[in-house]
């Protein structure tokens, strides 16, 4: 039973495999936009109804203007790389919420929210662009859909394991399920850290494409590190990379991001004969 279930799971895995544009990382995603986006847009509408928009017009307009520039850069990239249907599926919206939490996010389909608590960490327009690029990159790479797919695969695997060990005694079943839970849990945390690094790098490219200074991205996380005052969780048990490794990776990747962005901008501005 386990072998048969594993075989079917492997077939399903490869049938759902695709690559993230730009990074080329292999991913498993069987959650279609037609199913995910209506739910995302509905939840976003509900969130806005239950929360208060910031009355700070200057900061609110900054969020909208930076968001529009980065969304335009991403849209241009998608249309130039045979991703027209995906580009058409986005319904971009950018809002600043009155909340002291140091947070920002982007839902599938391009619904972006910044909290007022993160604005001092952003500090300036380039800082806003760094965070905006990162959050937009999560939606671009379909990290939300990928994690939903991984969660469903976990449930399927767990159910198959439980069925296959049910006749081997309660203790054996408990041991296997516990091992699976710990192993898959840490695996998902690692999976999340991969997403974060990928969003950092893609976001760096997108903010540069939109005309912002990519060097500010590492500075944003330096300020975030100072804010945490050493209270962040160990990286191995965190869904995010440690601040120090994130800062170093952003600095190391900056020349590559500049090169990629410059090449794309040059290509996009070249007249077609």
Protein backbone atom coordinates (compact mmCIF):
# COMPACT_ATOMS: atom_id res chain seq x y z
CA UNK A 1 0.00 0.00 0.00
CA UNK A 2 2.83 2.41 0.87
CA UNK A 3 4.69 1.59 -2.34
CA UNK A 4 1.61 2.12 -4.47
CA UNK A 5 0.81 5.39 -2.70
CA UNK A 6 4.41 6.58 -3.06
CA UNK A 7 4.38 5.71 -6.77
CA UNK A 8 1.21 7.72 -7.36
CA UNK A 9 2.63 10.59 -5.30
CA UNK A 10 5.80 10.65 -7.42
CA UNK A 11 3.78 10.75 -10.65
CA UNK A 12 1.65 13.58 -9.24
CA UNK A 13 4.80 15.42 -8.11
CA UNK A 14 6.46 15.43 -11.52
CA UNK A 15 3.23 16.23 -13.34
CA UNK A 16 2.91 19.40 -11.24
CA UNK A 17 6.54 20.50 -11.58
CA UNK A 18 7.48 23.84 -13.16
CA UNK A 19 10.24 26.46 -12.83
CA UNK A 20 10.26 29.92 -11.27
CA UNK A 21 11.05 32.53 -13.95
CA UNK A 22 14.48 34.18 -13.61
CA UNK A 23 15.79 31.94 -10.81
CA UNK A 24 14.95 28.68 -12.59
CA UNK A 25 14.19 26.92 -9.29
CA UNK A 26 12.00 23.84 -9.68
CA UNK A 27 8.70 24.04 -7.85
CA UNK A 28 5.58 21.95 -7.40
CA UNK A 29 2.35 23.85 -7.86
CA UNK A 30 -0.99 22.30 -8.68
CA UNK A 31 -3.11 25.18 -7.33
CA UNK A 32 -4.53 26.97 -10.37
CA UNK A 33 -4.98 30.74 -10.44
CA UNK A 34 -8.65 30.21 -11.28
CA UNK A 35 -9.11 28.61 -7.84
CA UNK A 36 -6.67 30.68 -5.78
CA UNK A 37 -7.18 34.25 -7.02
CA UNK A 38 -10.94 34.61 -6.34
CA UNK A 39 -10.34 33.48 -2.76
CA UNK A 40 -7.35 35.82 -2.45
CA UNK A 41 -9.30 38.83 -3.73
CA UNK A 42 -12.23 38.05 -1.45
CA UNK A 43 -10.00 37.74 1.63
CA UNK A 44 -8.24 40.97 0.71
CA UNK A 45 -11.55 42.81 0.44
CA UNK A 46 -12.58 41.45 3.83
CA UNK A 47 -9.25 42.52 5.36
CA UNK A 48 -9.67 46.10 4.14
CA UNK A 49 -13.21 46.22 5.54
CA UNK A 50 -11.97 45.11 8.97
CA UNK A 51 -8.89 47.34 9.16
CA UNK A 52 -8.23 51.07 9.06
CA UNK A 53 -6.44 52.72 6.15
CA UNK A 54 -3.74 55.18 7.17
CA UNK A 55 -4.74 58.83 7.05
CA UNK A 56 -1.16 59.81 6.27
CA UNK A 57 -1.61 60.87 2.64
CA UNK A 58 2.12 61.32 2.00
CA UNK A 59 3.05 57.79 3.08
CA UNK A 60 -0.07 56.24 1.54
CA UNK A 61 0.69 57.89 -1.81
CA UNK A 62 4.31 56.74 -1.55
CA UNK A 63 3.17 53.13 -1.14
CA UNK A 64 0.87 53.43 -4.16
CA UNK A 65 3.45 55.17 -6.37
CA UNK A 66 6.29 52.77 -5.55
CA UNK A 67 3.95 49.81 -5.92
CA UNK A 68 2.77 51.00 -9.32
CA UNK A 69 6.34 51.41 -10.60
CA UNK A 70 7.41 47.94 -9.47
CA UNK A 71 4.19 46.34 -10.73
CA UNK A 72 4.79 48.00 -14.11
CA UNK A 73 8.31 46.56 -14.24
CA UNK A 74 7.04 43.08 -13.36
CA UNK A 75 4.21 43.35 -15.89
CA UNK A 76 6.66 44.39 -18.59
CA UNK A 77 8.86 41.40 -17.78
CA UNK A 78 5.98 38.95 -17.89
CA UNK A 79 4.64 40.23 -21.21
CA UNK A 80 8.12 40.09 -22.73
CA UNK A 81 8.55 36.48 -21.61
CA UNK A 82 5.36 34.81 -22.85
CA UNK A 83 3.53 35.21 -19.52
CA UNK A 84 0.69 37.33 -20.91
CA UNK A 85 -2.14 35.34 -19.32
CA UNK A 86 -0.42 35.57 -15.92
CA UNK A 87 0.14 39.31 -16.37
CA UNK A 88 -3.56 39.74 -17.17
CA UNK A 89 -4.57 37.85 -14.02
CA UNK A 90 -3.02 40.39 -11.63
CA UNK A 91 -5.27 43.01 -10.06
CA UNK A 92 -2.69 45.25 -8.44
CA UNK A 93 -3.66 47.26 -5.39
CA UNK A 94 -1.46 48.92 -2.76
CA UNK A 95 -2.60 50.14 0.65
CA UNK A 96 -1.10 51.38 3.90
CA UNK A 97 -2.86 50.12 7.04
CA UNK A 98 -2.81 51.93 10.38
CA UNK A 99 -1.10 49.28 12.51
CA UNK A 100 2.06 49.31 14.65
CA UNK A 101 3.13 45.85 13.47
CA UNK A 102 6.38 45.80 11.50
CA UNK A 103 4.90 43.95 8.57
CA UNK A 104 3.99 43.95 4.88
CA UNK A 105 2.61 41.29 2.55
CA UNK A 106 1.38 40.58 -0.96
CA UNK A 107 -1.45 38.13 -1.61
CA UNK A 108 -1.64 36.03 -4.79
CA UNK A 109 -2.83 38.24 -7.63
CA UNK A 110 -1.06 41.42 -6.51
CA UNK A 111 -2.89 42.68 -3.42
CA UNK A 112 -0.25 44.48 -1.33
CA UNK A 113 -0.52 45.81 2.22
CA UNK A 114 2.04 47.75 4.24
CA UNK A 115 1.57 48.42 7.94
CA UNK A 116 2.51 51.85 9.31
CA UNK A 117 4.85 50.09 11.77
CA UNK A 118 7.24 49.12 8.97
CA UNK A 119 7.59 52.61 7.53
CA UNK A 120 10.33 53.76 9.95
CA UNK A 121 12.30 50.65 8.97
CA UNK A 122 11.83 51.44 5.28
CA UNK A 123 12.93 55.00 6.13
CA UNK A 124 12.87 56.30 2.55
CA UNK A 125 11.45 55.64 -0.92
CA UNK A 126 14.22 53.20 -1.82
CA UNK A 127 13.53 51.32 1.40
CA UNK A 128 9.84 51.09 0.53
CA UNK A 129 10.86 49.80 -2.92
CA UNK A 130 13.05 47.11 -1.33
CA UNK A 131 10.19 45.79 0.80
CA UNK A 132 7.70 46.23 -2.06
CA UNK A 133 9.92 44.32 -4.47
CA UNK A 134 10.31 41.48 -1.97
CA UNK A 135 6.57 41.15 -1.34
CA UNK A 136 5.65 41.41 -5.02
CA UNK A 137 8.26 38.74 -5.75
CA UNK A 138 6.38 36.31 -3.48
CA UNK A 139 3.30 36.70 -5.69
CA UNK A 140 5.33 36.61 -8.92
CA UNK A 141 6.98 33.32 -7.93
CA UNK A 142 3.63 31.95 -6.70
CA UNK A 143 5.05 31.08 -3.29
CA UNK A 144 1.59 31.07 -1.73
CA UNK A 145 0.27 28.54 -4.24
CA UNK A 146 3.43 26.48 -3.87
CA UNK A 147 3.10 26.29 -0.10
CA UNK A 148 -0.57 25.34 -0.41
CA UNK A 149 0.46 22.57 -2.79
CA UNK A 150 3.16 21.38 -0.40
CA UNK A 151 0.66 21.41 2.47
CA UNK A 152 -1.73 19.21 0.52
CA UNK A 153 1.08 16.82 -0.38
CA UNK A 154 1.95 16.60 3.32
CA UNK A 155 -1.61 15.65 4.16
CA UNK A 156 -1.72 13.04 1.40
CA UNK A 157 1.62 11.56 2.51
CA UNK A 158 0.59 11.53 6.16
CA UNK A 159 -2.69 9.77 5.33
CA UNK A 160 -0.89 7.17 3.21
CA UNK A 161 1.65 6.58 5.98
CA UNK A 162 -1.05 6.16 8.59
CA UNK A 163 -2.87 3.65 6.40
CA UNK A 164 0.29 1.69 5.67
CA UNK A 165 1.36 1.43 9.33
CA UNK A 166 -2.07 0.90 10.90
CA UNK A 167 -1.55 -2.87 11.16
CA UNK A 168 1.91 -2.69 12.72
CA UNK A 169 0.83 -1.80 16.22
CA UNK A 170 0.01 1.47 17.96
CA UNK A 171 3.60 2.17 19.07
CA UNK A 172 5.06 1.68 15.60
CA UNK A 173 2.40 3.89 14.04
CA UNK A 174 2.98 6.62 16.61
CA UNK A 175 6.75 6.55 16.11
CA UNK A 176 6.47 6.82 12.31
CA UNK A 177 3.87 9.60 12.45
CA UNK A 178 5.95 11.56 14.97
CA UNK A 179 9.06 11.21 12.80
CA UNK A 180 7.10 12.27 9.75
CA UNK A 181 5.66 15.28 11.56
CA UNK A 182 9.04 16.52 12.79
CA UNK A 183 10.80 15.86 9.50
CA UNK A 184 8.13 17.40 7.31
CA UNK A 185 7.75 20.35 9.69
CA UNK A 186 11.42 21.26 9.51
CA UNK A 187 11.28 20.64 5.80
CA UNK A 188 8.53 23.22 5.42
CA UNK A 189 10.51 25.71 7.48
CA UNK A 190 13.49 25.17 5.19
CA UNK A 191 11.13 25.47 2.27
CA UNK A 192 10.01 28.86 3.59
CA UNK A 193 13.58 30.09 3.93
CA UNK A 194 14.18 29.17 0.29
CA UNK A 195 11.15 31.29 -0.59
CA UNK A 196 12.45 34.22 1.42
CA UNK A 197 15.86 34.21 -0.23
CA UNK A 198 14.27 33.86 -3.66
CA UNK A 199 11.93 36.79 -2.93
CA UNK A 200 14.91 38.85 -1.73
CA UNK A 201 16.78 38.25 -4.98
CA UNK A 202 13.81 38.68 -7.30
CA UNK A 203 12.73 41.76 -5.36
CA UNK A 204 16.19 43.23 -5.77
CA UNK A 205 15.96 42.78 -9.54
CA UNK A 206 12.45 44.24 -9.69
CA UNK A 207 13.28 47.35 -7.65
CA UNK A 208 16.29 48.05 -9.88
CA UNK A 209 14.15 47.53 -13.00
CA UNK A 210 11.78 50.13 -11.57
CA UNK A 211 14.61 52.65 -11.17
CA UNK A 212 15.41 52.33 -7.46
CA UNK A 213 18.74 51.93 -5.66
CA UNK A 214 19.21 48.22 -4.89
CA UNK A 215 21.88 48.96 -2.27
CA UNK A 216 19.10 50.07 0.07
CA UNK A 217 17.72 46.52 0.41
CA UNK A 218 20.57 45.36 2.65
CA UNK A 219 20.25 48.58 4.67
CA UNK A 220 16.56 47.86 5.31
CA UNK A 221 17.48 44.51 6.84
CA UNK A 222 20.28 46.13 8.84
CA UNK A 223 17.66 48.42 10.37
CA UNK A 224 15.38 45.42 10.89
CA UNK A 225 18.22 43.65 12.67
CA UNK A 226 18.73 46.60 15.00
CA UNK A 227 15.01 46.63 15.73
CA UNK A 228 14.99 42.94 16.71
CA UNK A 229 17.72 43.56 19.33
CA UNK A 230 19.00 40.03 19.06
CA UNK A 231 15.61 38.45 19.84
CA UNK A 232 15.15 36.68 16.49
CA UNK A 233 14.78 32.90 16.45
CA UNK A 234 17.70 30.66 15.41
CA UNK A 235 17.73 30.37 11.64
CA UNK A 236 17.32 26.59 11.62
CA UNK A 237 13.92 26.96 13.34
CA UNK A 238 12.77 30.07 11.51
CA UNK A 239 10.76 30.57 8.35
CA UNK A 240 13.00 33.51 7.51
CA UNK A 241 16.78 33.63 7.02
CA UNK A 242 18.71 35.23 9.87
CA UNK A 243 19.15 38.97 9.45
CA UNK A 244 22.93 38.63 9.10
CA UNK A 245 22.78 35.98 6.34
CA UNK A 246 20.03 37.91 4.56
CA UNK A 247 22.03 41.15 4.59
CA UNK A 248 25.16 39.41 3.28
CA UNK A 249 23.25 37.61 0.54
CA UNK A 250 21.63 40.85 -0.64
CA UNK A 251 25.05 42.51 -0.81
CA UNK A 252 26.57 39.56 -2.66
CA UNK A 253 23.70 39.30 -5.13
CA UNK A 254 23.48 43.05 -5.89
CA UNK A 255 25.95 43.01 -8.86
CA UNK A 256 24.07 40.09 -10.43
CA UNK A 257 20.73 41.84 -9.90
CA UNK A 258 22.05 45.04 -11.48
CA UNK A 259 23.40 43.12 -14.47
CA UNK A 260 20.15 41.23 -15.00
CA UNK A 261 17.99 44.35 -14.63
CA UNK A 262 20.20 46.37 -16.97
CA UNK A 263 20.15 43.66 -19.62
CA UNK A 264 16.38 43.36 -19.47
CA UNK A 265 15.82 47.14 -19.58
CA UNK A 266 18.14 47.37 -22.59
CA UNK A 267 16.32 44.54 -24.34
CA UNK A 268 12.92 46.00 -23.55
CA UNK A 269 13.92 49.39 -24.98
CA UNK A 270 15.37 47.93 -28.20
CA UNK A 271 13.02 48.66 -31.15
CA UNK A 272 11.66 45.59 -32.94
CA UNK A 273 12.39 45.67 -36.71
